[in-house]
Amino acid sequence: MKANELKLQSERNRKRLIEIVYKAKAGHIGGDLSCLNVLTTLYFDVMKTDSTNPSLMDRDRFIMSKGHCVEALYVILEAKGFISSEIINTLGEYKSILSGHPTIEVPGIEVNSGALGHGLSIGVGIALAARMNKASYKTFVLMGDGEQGEGSIYEAAMSANQYKLDHLVAIIDRNRLQISGTTEEVMSLENMRQRWEAFGWDVIEMNGDDAEDIMNTFASIDYANKKPHLIISHTTKGKGVSYMENVLKWHHGVPSEEQYQIAIKEISDRIVALEKDLEDE
């Protein structure tokens, strides 16, 4: 896809996200919004997937390690045709298959996740299985930056380097805010790049708020360099909703009716502008 097409898809996904969180009256909306551009690019430009055959053998695998931001994944899966609008509208309802963390009951979700620190270990296992089976698929793992305080992540990092898993890509959603404060106040993470390079990873930094930079970053990955890959995705918590951006309280929250209308108008205005730009190209 072109960068403007991805921007438009991201905005449509963003609007849908606001709608389902508002309807369900629950959701980790700030982190949903910060990773939404990356998820959109992964599913619409990078990964091999097939909504008509979610178990396709050579599909690329995606693990949502920061599982509390599953609402962002749900809107992507809806947009790609894995789940219907009727199903996604049941979020927050009794007996819905959609819960507050990813589960394999939902088509397109690979593993139950959300216990922070576990996703990369699972990704390493899946990538190692691909190596052993001489399979061509790639494995992508999205982690939160607050999640980086979990020690199991670094055991997995050592294993990935040991087995030279160059078809494994980990992404850190570096929005610098977690539930109890800034990441540097809670548990300092810097220098993040040097730490991961010391573990033997190929480290790339990108602007995770910018569709073109995200596209270019994924396109630049060398899947034959014998190193696992880490992308530090610099993002904005609450991205795309003016009153949520970089505001801690929106780690988890539901807009009021007035706030909901403001968010929908902001996003809708951008959608109209992007649609016009694409028509003019």
C-alpha atoms as a PDB file:
ATOM      1  CA  MET A   1       0.000   0.000   0.000  1.00  0.00           C
ATOM      2  CA  LYS A   2       0.986   3.632  -0.399  1.00  0.00           C
ATOM      3  CA  ALA A   3       1.716   5.698   2.699  1.00  0.00           C
ATOM      4  CA  ASN A   4      -1.456   7.769   2.303  1.00  0.00           C
ATOM      5  CA  GLU A   5      -3.537   4.622   1.921  1.00  0.00           C
ATOM      6  CA  LEU A   6      -2.092   3.288   5.162  1.00  0.00           C
ATOM      7  CA  LYS A   7      -2.734   6.611   6.892  1.00  0.00           C
ATOM      8  CA  LEU A   8      -6.358   6.466   5.778  1.00  0.00           C
ATOM      9  CA  GLN A   9      -6.727   2.865   6.935  1.00  0.00           C
ATOM     10  CA  SER A  10      -5.189   3.777  10.295  1.00  0.00           C
ATOM     11  CA  GLU A  11      -7.665   6.621  10.748  1.00  0.00           C
ATOM     12  CA  ARG A  12     -10.584   4.354   9.881  1.00  0.00           C
ATOM     13  CA  ASN A  13      -9.275   1.836  12.396  1.00  0.00           C
ATOM     14  CA  ARG A  14      -8.830   4.626  14.955  1.00  0.00           C
ATOM     15  CA  LYS A  15     -12.428   5.747  14.556  1.00  0.00           C
ATOM     16  CA  ARG A  16     -13.657   2.184  14.930  1.00  0.00           C
ATOM     17  CA  LEU A  17     -11.530   1.759  18.048  1.00  0.00           C
ATOM     18  CA  ILE A  18     -13.104   4.790  19.701  1.00  0.00           C
ATOM     19  CA  GLU A  19     -16.541   3.429  18.815  1.00  0.00           C
ATOM     20  CA  ILE A  20     -16.027  -0.026  20.323  1.00  0.00           C
ATOM     21  CA  VAL A  21     -14.330   1.200  23.507  1.00  0.00           C
ATOM     22  CA  TYR A  22     -17.094   3.756  24.038  1.00  0.00           C
ATOM     23  CA  LYS A  23     -19.798   1.118  23.474  1.00  0.00           C
ATOM     24  CA  ALA A  24     -18.101  -1.491  25.694  1.00  0.00           C
ATOM     25  CA  LYS A  25     -17.348   1.102  28.417  1.00  0.00           C
ATOM     26  CA  ALA A  26     -13.885  -0.386  28.922  1.00  0.00           C
ATOM     27  CA  GLY A  27     -10.511  -0.476  27.222  1.00  0.00           C
ATOM     28  CA  HIS A  28      -6.837   0.455  27.435  1.00  0.00           C
ATOM     29  CA  ILE A  29      -7.415   3.208  24.939  1.00  0.00           C
ATOM     30  CA  GLY A  30      -4.134   5.134  25.293  1.00  0.00           C
ATOM     31  CA  GLY A  31      -1.928   2.159  24.451  1.00  0.00           C
ATOM     32  CA  ASP A  32      -4.417   1.001  21.808  1.00  0.00           C
ATOM     33  CA  LEU A  33      -3.969   4.297  20.005  1.00  0.00           C
ATOM     34  CA  SER A  34      -0.181   4.380  20.322  1.00  0.00           C
ATOM     35  CA  CYS A  35       0.300   1.021  18.608  1.00  0.00           C
ATOM     36  CA  LEU A  36      -2.512   1.269  16.058  1.00  0.00           C
ATOM     37  CA  ASN A  37      -0.400   2.673  13.211  1.00  0.00           C
ATOM     38  CA  VAL A  38       2.131  -0.133  13.593  1.00  0.00           C
ATOM     39  CA  LEU A  39      -0.578  -2.807  13.688  1.00  0.00           C
ATOM     40  CA  THR A  40      -2.228  -1.335  10.602  1.00  0.00           C
ATOM     41  CA  THR A  41       1.046  -1.416   8.678  1.00  0.00           C
ATOM     42  CA  LEU A  42       1.840  -4.960   9.809  1.00  0.00           C
ATOM     43  CA  TYR A  43      -1.506  -6.372   8.717  1.00  0.00           C
ATOM     44  CA  PHE A  44      -2.049  -4.274   5.592  1.00  0.00           C
ATOM     45  CA  ASP A  45       1.486  -4.006   4.211  1.00  0.00           C
ATOM     46  CA  VAL A  46       3.914  -6.437   5.855  1.00  0.00           C
ATOM     47  CA  MET A  47       2.490  -9.729   7.080  1.00  0.00           C
ATOM     48  CA  LYS A  48       1.161 -12.626   5.038  1.00  0.00           C
ATOM     49  CA  THR A  49      -2.296 -13.497   6.383  1.00  0.00           C
ATOM     50  CA  ASP A  50      -5.522 -14.962   4.997  1.00  0.00           C
ATOM     51  CA  SER A  51      -8.827 -14.250   6.721  1.00  0.00           C
ATOM     52  CA  THR A  52     -10.490 -17.067   4.742  1.00  0.00           C
ATOM     53  CA  ASN A  53      -7.914 -19.512   6.109  1.00  0.00           C
ATOM     54  CA  PRO A  54      -6.622 -18.291   9.503  1.00  0.00           C
ATOM     55  CA  SER A  55      -4.635 -21.540   9.941  1.00  0.00           C
ATOM     56  CA  LEU A  56      -2.734 -21.181   6.658  1.00  0.00           C
ATOM     57  CA  MET A  57       0.515 -23.059   7.250  1.00  0.00           C
ATOM     58  CA  ASP A  58       2.884 -20.425   5.876  1.00  0.00           C
ATOM     59  CA  ARG A  59       1.066 -17.421   7.381  1.00  0.00           C
ATOM     60  CA  ASP A  60       3.145 -14.946   9.326  1.00  0.00           C
ATOM     61  CA  ARG A  61       2.556 -15.131  13.063  1.00  0.00           C
ATOM     62  CA  PHE A  62       1.714 -12.154  15.294  1.00  0.00           C
ATOM     63  CA  ILE A  63       1.876 -12.198  19.099  1.00  0.00           C
ATOM     64  CA  MET A  64       0.244  -9.335  21.024  1.00  0.00           C
ATOM     65  CA  SER A  65       2.403  -9.451  24.147  1.00  0.00           C
ATOM     66  CA  LYS A  66       0.902  -6.186  25.472  1.00  0.00           C
ATOM     67  CA  GLY A  67      -2.403  -7.990  25.506  1.00  0.00           C
ATOM     68  CA  HIS A  68      -4.286  -5.373  27.490  1.00  0.00           C
ATOM     69  CA  CYS A  69      -4.346  -3.350  24.251  1.00  0.00           C
ATOM     70  CA  VAL A  70      -6.313  -6.045  22.468  1.00  0.00           C
ATOM     71  CA  GLU A  71      -9.000  -3.593  21.332  1.00  0.00           C
ATOM     72  CA  ALA A  72      -6.554  -2.263  18.732  1.00  0.00           C
ATOM     73  CA  LEU A  73      -6.032  -5.806  17.462  1.00  0.00           C
ATOM     74  CA  TYR A  74      -9.774  -6.451  17.323  1.00  0.00           C
ATOM     75  CA  VAL A  75     -10.402  -3.530  14.962  1.00  0.00           C
ATOM     76  CA  ILE A  76      -7.540  -4.694  12.731  1.00  0.00           C
ATOM     77  CA  LEU A  77      -8.951  -8.216  12.594  1.00  0.00           C
ATOM     78  CA  GLU A  78     -12.368  -6.791  11.730  1.00  0.00           C
ATOM     79  CA  ALA A  79     -10.904  -4.606   8.981  1.00  0.00           C
ATOM     80  CA  LYS A  80      -9.048  -7.624   7.537  1.00  0.00           C
ATOM     81  CA  GLY A  81     -12.167  -9.815   7.614  1.00  0.00           C
ATOM     82  CA  PHE A  82     -11.190 -12.231  10.386  1.00  0.00           C
ATOM     83  CA  ILE A  83     -14.120 -11.215  12.584  1.00  0.00           C
ATOM     84  CA  SER A  84     -17.445  -9.631  11.681  1.00  0.00           C
ATOM     85  CA  SER A  85     -18.860  -6.326  12.868  1.00  0.00           C
ATOM     86  CA  GLU A  86     -21.566  -8.308  14.656  1.00  0.00           C
ATOM     87  CA  ILE A  87     -18.896 -10.052  16.735  1.00  0.00           C
ATOM     88  CA  ILE A  88     -16.807  -6.972  17.483  1.00  0.00           C
ATOM     89  CA  ASN A  89     -19.946  -5.160  18.641  1.00  0.00           C
ATOM     90  CA  THR A  90     -20.295  -7.730  21.440  1.00  0.00           C
ATOM     91  CA  LEU A  91     -17.131  -6.495  23.172  1.00  0.00           C
ATOM     92  CA  GLY A  92     -17.927  -6.032  26.849  1.00  0.00           C
ATOM     93  CA  GLU A  93     -21.091  -8.129  26.695  1.00  0.00           C
ATOM     94  CA  TYR A  94     -21.883 -11.332  28.597  1.00  0.00           C
ATOM     95  CA  LYS A  95     -20.712 -14.484  26.756  1.00  0.00           C
ATOM     96  CA  SER A  96     -18.854 -12.537  24.079  1.00  0.00           C
ATOM     97  CA  ILE A  97     -15.808 -14.340  22.681  1.00  0.00           C
ATOM     98  CA  LEU A  98     -13.990 -11.006  22.905  1.00  0.00           C
ATOM     99  CA  SER A  99     -12.312 -10.469  26.250  1.00  0.00           C
ATOM    100  CA  GLY A 100      -9.926  -7.877  27.639  1.00  0.00           C
ATOM    101  CA  HIS A 101      -6.908  -9.881  26.436  1.00  0.00           C
ATOM    102  CA  PRO A 102      -6.297 -11.955  23.292  1.00  0.00           C
ATOM    103  CA  THR A 103      -7.683 -15.508  23.274  1.00  0.00           C
ATOM    104  CA  ILE A 104      -7.564 -18.199  20.614  1.00  0.00           C
ATOM    105  CA  GLU A 105     -11.369 -18.293  20.486  1.00  0.00           C
ATOM    106  CA  VAL A 106     -11.038 -15.289  18.173  1.00  0.00           C
ATOM    107  CA  PRO A 107     -10.109 -16.087  14.540  1.00  0.00           C
ATOM    108  CA  GLY A 108      -6.711 -14.660  13.667  1.00  0.00           C
ATOM    109  CA  ILE A 109      -5.306 -14.735  17.201  1.00  0.00           C
ATOM    110  CA  GLU A 110      -2.416 -17.172  17.601  1.00  0.00           C
ATOM    111  CA  VAL A 111      -2.102 -17.537  21.388  1.00  0.00           C
ATOM    112  CA  ASN A 112      -3.703 -16.435  24.630  1.00  0.00           C
ATOM    113  CA  SER A 113      -1.562 -13.534  25.806  1.00  0.00           C
ATOM    114  CA  GLY A 114      -1.462 -10.552  28.095  1.00  0.00           C
ATOM    115  CA  ALA A 115       0.455 -11.830  31.120  1.00  0.00           C
ATOM    116  CA  LEU A 116       3.187  -9.279  30.549  1.00  0.00           C
ATOM    117  CA  GLY A 117       6.657 -10.543  29.727  1.00  0.00           C
ATOM    118  CA  HIS A 118       5.528 -13.808  28.152  1.00  0.00           C
ATOM    119  CA  GLY A 119       4.963 -12.837  24.526  1.00  0.00           C
ATOM    120  CA  LEU A 120       8.585 -12.753  23.416  1.00  0.00           C
ATOM    121  CA  SER A 121       9.259 -16.195  24.892  1.00  0.00           C
ATOM    122  CA  ILE A 122       6.319 -17.559  22.906  1.00  0.00           C
ATOM    123  CA  GLY A 123       7.561 -15.765  19.799  1.00  0.00           C
ATOM    124  CA  VAL A 124      11.016 -17.291  20.217  1.00  0.00           C
ATOM    125  CA  GLY A 125       9.446 -20.749  20.415  1.00  0.00           C
ATOM    126  CA  ILE A 126       7.357 -20.166  17.295  1.00  0.00           C
ATOM    127  CA  ALA A 127      10.331 -18.776  15.379  1.00  0.00           C
ATOM    128  CA  LEU A 128      12.490 -21.699  16.473  1.00  0.00           C
ATOM    129  CA  ALA A 129       9.803 -24.131  15.297  1.00  0.00           C
ATOM    130  CA  ALA A 130       9.845 -22.414  11.889  1.00  0.00           C
ATOM    131  CA  ARG A 131      13.606 -22.893  11.733  1.00  0.00           C
ATOM    132  CA  MET A 132      13.362 -26.563  12.662  1.00  0.00           C
ATOM    133  CA  ASN A 133      10.548 -27.185  10.150  1.00  0.00           C
ATOM    134  CA  LYS A 134      12.282 -25.200   7.400  1.00  0.00           C
ATOM    135  CA  ALA A 135       9.165 -23.022   7.182  1.00  0.00           C
ATOM    136  CA  SER A 136       9.223 -19.587   5.547  1.00  0.00           C
ATOM    137  CA  TYR A 137       6.946 -17.638   7.870  1.00  0.00           C
ATOM    138  CA  LYS A 138       8.077 -14.760  10.051  1.00  0.00           C
ATOM    139  CA  THR A 139       7.093 -14.089  13.659  1.00  0.00           C
ATOM    140  CA  PHE A 140       6.259 -10.610  14.966  1.00  0.00           C
ATOM    141  CA  VAL A 141       5.892  -9.764  18.674  1.00  0.00           C
ATOM    142  CA  LEU A 142       4.539  -6.443  19.963  1.00  0.00           C
ATOM    143  CA  MET A 143       5.565  -5.487  23.502  1.00  0.00           C
ATOM    144  CA  GLY A 144       4.861  -2.462  25.656  1.00  0.00           C
ATOM    145  CA  ASP A 145       7.670  -0.363  27.064  1.00  0.00           C
ATOM    146  CA  GLY A 146       6.368  -0.711  30.629  1.00  0.00           C
ATOM    147  CA  GLU A 147       6.518  -4.457  30.018  1.00  0.00           C
ATOM    148  CA  GLN A 148      10.296  -4.227  29.706  1.00  0.00           C
ATOM    149  CA  GLY A 149      10.629  -4.525  33.484  1.00  0.00           C
ATOM    150  CA  GLU A 150       9.823  -8.257  33.197  1.00  0.00           C
ATOM    151  CA  GLY A 151      12.945 -10.390  33.451  1.00  0.00           C
ATOM    152  CA  SER A 152      11.587 -13.180  31.254  1.00  0.00           C
ATOM    153  CA  ILE A 153      11.944 -10.848  28.272  1.00  0.00           C
ATOM    154  CA  TYR A 154      15.717 -10.873  28.596  1.00  0.00           C
ATOM    155  CA  GLU A 155      15.912 -14.657  28.888  1.00  0.00           C
ATOM    156  CA  ALA A 156      13.995 -14.797  25.613  1.00  0.00           C
ATOM    157  CA  ALA A 157      16.299 -12.167  24.114  1.00  0.00           C
ATOM    158  CA  MET A 158      19.337 -14.313  24.905  1.00  0.00           C
ATOM    159  CA  SER A 159      17.687 -17.394  23.402  1.00  0.00           C
ATOM    160  CA  ALA A 160      16.795 -15.585  20.176  1.00  0.00           C
ATOM    161  CA  ASN A 161      20.392 -14.501  19.774  1.00  0.00           C
ATOM    162  CA  GLN A 162      21.693 -17.964  20.608  1.00  0.00           C
ATOM    163  CA  TYR A 163      19.610 -19.525  17.831  1.00  0.00           C
ATOM    164  CA  LYS A 164      20.170 -16.645  15.354  1.00  0.00           C
ATOM    165  CA  LEU A 165      16.454 -16.189  14.773  1.00  0.00           C
ATOM    166  CA  ASP A 166      16.640 -13.648  11.961  1.00  0.00           C
ATOM    167  CA  HIS A 167      13.006 -14.272  10.997  1.00  0.00           C
ATOM    168  CA  LEU A 168      11.853 -12.987  14.421  1.00  0.00           C
ATOM    169  CA  VAL A 169      10.888  -9.310  14.799  1.00  0.00           C
ATOM    170  CA  ALA A 170      10.119  -7.810  18.205  1.00  0.00           C
ATOM    171  CA  ILE A 171       8.593  -4.341  18.462  1.00  0.00           C
ATOM    172  CA  ILE A 172       8.561  -2.150  21.572  1.00  0.00           C
ATOM    173  CA  ASP A 173       5.747   0.402  21.663  1.00  0.00           C
ATOM    174  CA  ARG A 174       7.852   3.194  23.206  1.00  0.00           C
ATOM    175  CA  ASN A 175       5.172   5.657  24.328  1.00  0.00           C
ATOM    176  CA  ARG A 176       6.993   6.329  27.641  1.00  0.00           C
ATOM    177  CA  LEU A 177       3.881   6.065  29.841  1.00  0.00           C
ATOM    178  CA  GLN A 178       2.597   3.140  31.887  1.00  0.00           C
ATOM    179  CA  ILE A 179      -0.241   2.755  34.357  1.00  0.00           C
ATOM    180  CA  SER A 180       1.600   4.229  37.353  1.00  0.00           C
ATOM    181  CA  GLY A 181       3.696   6.971  35.738  1.00  0.00           C
ATOM    182  CA  THR A 182       6.391   7.535  33.156  1.00  0.00           C
ATOM    183  CA  THR A 183       8.530   4.516  32.369  1.00  0.00           C
ATOM    184  CA  GLU A 184      11.669   6.337  33.483  1.00  0.00           C
ATOM    185  CA  GLU A 185      10.125   7.110  36.899  1.00  0.00           C
ATOM    186  CA  VAL A 186       8.847   3.588  37.444  1.00  0.00           C
ATOM    187  CA  MET A 187      11.826   1.613  36.093  1.00  0.00           C
ATOM    188  CA  SER A 188      14.312   3.395  33.870  1.00  0.00           C
ATOM    189  CA  LEU A 189      14.698   1.703  30.490  1.00  0.00           C
ATOM    190  CA  GLU A 190      17.421   3.741  28.863  1.00  0.00           C
ATOM    191  CA  ASN A 191      19.717   3.125  27.116  1.00  0.00           C
ATOM    192  CA  MET A 192      17.300   0.698  25.498  1.00  0.00           C
ATOM    193  CA  ARG A 193      19.130   0.439  22.184  1.00  0.00           C
ATOM    194  CA  GLN A 194      22.496  -0.376  23.760  1.00  0.00           C
ATOM    195  CA  ARG A 195      20.916  -3.003  26.022  1.00  0.00           C
ATOM    196  CA  TRP A 196      19.357  -4.907  23.120  1.00  0.00           C
ATOM    197  CA  GLU A 197      22.426  -4.583  20.950  1.00  0.00           C
ATOM    198  CA  ALA A 198      24.425  -6.083  23.833  1.00  0.00           C
ATOM    199  CA  PHE A 199      22.057  -9.063  23.669  1.00  0.00           C
ATOM    200  CA  GLY A 200      23.074  -9.501  20.020  1.00  0.00           C
ATOM    201  CA  TRP A 201      19.960  -8.076  18.367  1.00  0.00           C
ATOM    202  CA  ASP A 202      19.742  -5.989  15.216  1.00  0.00           C
ATOM    203  CA  VAL A 203      18.135  -2.798  16.571  1.00  0.00           C
ATOM    204  CA  ILE A 204      16.245  -0.238  14.495  1.00  0.00           C
ATOM    205  CA  GLU A 205      14.443   2.868  15.757  1.00  0.00           C
ATOM    206  CA  MET A 206      11.450   4.390  14.005  1.00  0.00           C
ATOM    207  CA  ASN A 207       8.700   6.968  14.351  1.00  0.00           C
ATOM    208  CA  GLY A 208       5.736   4.736  15.114  1.00  0.00           C
ATOM    209  CA  ASP A 209       3.361   7.657  14.606  1.00  0.00           C
ATOM    210  CA  ASP A 210       4.364   8.026  10.942  1.00  0.00           C
ATOM    211  CA  ALA A 211       3.068   5.563   8.341  1.00  0.00           C
ATOM    212  CA  GLU A 212       5.849   6.190   5.841  1.00  0.00           C
ATOM    213  CA  ASP A 213       8.610   5.657   8.391  1.00  0.00           C
ATOM    214  CA  ILE A 214       6.917   2.477   9.623  1.00  0.00           C
ATOM    215  CA  MET A 215       6.696   1.130   6.061  1.00  0.00           C
ATOM    216  CA  ASN A 216      10.314   1.971   5.307  1.00  0.00           C
ATOM    217  CA  THR A 217      11.536   0.464   8.557  1.00  0.00           C
ATOM    218  CA  PHE A 218       9.876  -2.906   8.000  1.00  0.00           C
ATOM    219  CA  ALA A 219      11.052  -2.911   4.379  1.00  0.00           C
ATOM    220  CA  SER A 220      14.648  -2.376   5.537  1.00  0.00           C
ATOM    221  CA  ILE A 221      14.855  -5.511   7.707  1.00  0.00           C
ATOM    222  CA  ASP A 222      17.518  -7.993   6.603  1.00  0.00           C
ATOM    223  CA  TYR A 223      15.971 -11.407   7.234  1.00  0.00           C
ATOM    224  CA  ALA A 224      19.228 -13.202   6.405  1.00  0.00           C
ATOM    225  CA  ASN A 225      21.672 -11.470   8.778  1.00  0.00           C
ATOM    226  CA  LYS A 226      21.599 -14.212  11.463  1.00  0.00           C
ATOM    227  CA  LYS A 227      20.297 -11.772  14.097  1.00  0.00           C
ATOM    228  CA  PRO A 228      16.863 -11.346  15.678  1.00  0.00           C
ATOM    229  CA  HIS A 229      15.411  -7.896  15.032  1.00  0.00           C
ATOM    230  CA  LEU A 230      14.153  -5.303  17.513  1.00  0.00           C
ATOM    231  CA  ILE A 231      12.248  -2.217  16.439  1.00  0.00           C
ATOM    232  CA  ILE A 232      11.979   0.580  18.994  1.00  0.00           C
ATOM    233  CA  SER A 233       8.788   2.304  17.880  1.00  0.00           C
ATOM    234  CA  HIS A 234       8.653   5.835  19.275  1.00  0.00           C
ATOM    235  CA  THR A 235       4.957   6.628  19.674  1.00  0.00           C
ATOM    236  CA  THR A 236       2.495   8.907  21.450  1.00  0.00           C
ATOM    237  CA  LYS A 237       0.116   7.473  24.024  1.00  0.00           C
ATOM    238  CA  GLY A 238      -3.421   8.348  22.944  1.00  0.00           C
ATOM    239  CA  LYS A 239      -2.230   9.198  19.422  1.00  0.00           C
ATOM    240  CA  GLY A 240      -4.837  10.855  17.236  1.00  0.00           C
ATOM    241  CA  VAL A 241      -7.165  12.177  19.935  1.00  0.00           C
ATOM    242  CA  SER A 242      -6.040  15.622  21.044  1.00  0.00           C
ATOM    243  CA  TYR A 243      -7.083  15.491  24.708  1.00  0.00           C
ATOM    244  CA  MET A 244      -5.657  11.975  25.188  1.00  0.00           C
ATOM    245  CA  GLU A 245      -2.180  12.458  23.754  1.00  0.00           C
ATOM    246  CA  ASN A 246       0.589  12.011  26.350  1.00  0.00           C
ATOM    247  CA  VAL A 247      -1.948  12.060  29.190  1.00  0.00           C
ATOM    248  CA  LEU A 248      -1.358   9.341  31.797  1.00  0.00           C
ATOM    249  CA  LYS A 249      -4.984   8.897  32.863  1.00  0.00           C
ATOM    250  CA  TRP A 250      -5.867   7.597  29.392  1.00  0.00           C
ATOM    251  CA  HIS A 251      -3.805   4.447  29.947  1.00  0.00           C
ATOM    252  CA  HIS A 252      -7.230   2.985  30.635  1.00  0.00           C
ATOM    253  CA  GLY A 253     -10.397   4.986  30.201  1.00  0.00           C
ATOM    254  CA  VAL A 254     -13.673   5.543  28.434  1.00  0.00           C
ATOM    255  CA  PRO A 255     -14.649   8.885  26.878  1.00  0.00           C
ATOM    256  CA  SER A 256     -17.736  10.700  28.083  1.00  0.00           C
ATOM    257  CA  GLU A 257     -20.415  11.447  25.487  1.00  0.00           C
ATOM    258  CA  GLU A 258     -18.901  14.892  24.887  1.00  0.00           C
ATOM    259  CA  GLN A 259     -15.358  13.510  24.662  1.00  0.00           C
ATOM    260  CA  TYR A 260     -16.543  10.752  22.347  1.00  0.00           C
ATOM    261  CA  GLN A 261     -18.061  13.270  19.936  1.00  0.00           C
ATOM    262  CA  ILE A 262     -14.879  15.371  19.964  1.00  0.00           C
ATOM    263  CA  ALA A 263     -12.724  12.333  19.171  1.00  0.00           C
ATOM    264  CA  ILE A 264     -15.014  11.127  16.389  1.00  0.00           C
ATOM    265  CA  LYS A 265     -15.069  14.584  14.784  1.00  0.00           C
ATOM    266  CA  GLU A 266     -11.277  14.949  14.904  1.00  0.00           C
ATOM    267  CA  ILE A 267     -10.759  11.566  13.292  1.00  0.00           C
ATOM    268  CA  SER A 268     -13.593  11.969  10.773  1.00  0.00           C
ATOM    269  CA  ASP A 269     -12.135  15.288   9.615  1.00  0.00           C
ATOM    270  CA  ARG A 270      -8.781  13.612   8.959  1.00  0.00           C
ATOM    271  CA  ILE A 271     -10.493  10.767   7.089  1.00  0.00           C
ATOM    272  CA  VAL A 272     -12.254  13.238   4.794  1.00  0.00           C
ATOM    273  CA  ALA A 273      -8.981  15.091   4.131  1.00  0.00           C
ATOM    274  CA  LEU A 274      -7.079  11.890   3.378  1.00  0.00           C
ATOM    275  CA  GLU A 275      -9.824  10.612   1.072  1.00  0.00           C
ATOM    276  CA  LYS A 276      -9.644  13.882  -0.840  1.00  0.00           C
ATOM    277  CA  ASP A 277      -5.848  13.664  -1.068  1.00  0.00           C
ATOM    278  CA  LEU A 278      -6.075  10.162  -2.497  1.00  0.00           C
ATOM    279  CA  GLU A 279      -8.680  11.267  -5.035  1.00  0.00           C
ATOM    280  CA  ASP A 280      -6.354  14.082  -6.141  1.00  0.00           C
ATOM    281  CA  GLU A 281      -3.314  11.830  -6.605  1.00  0.00           C
END
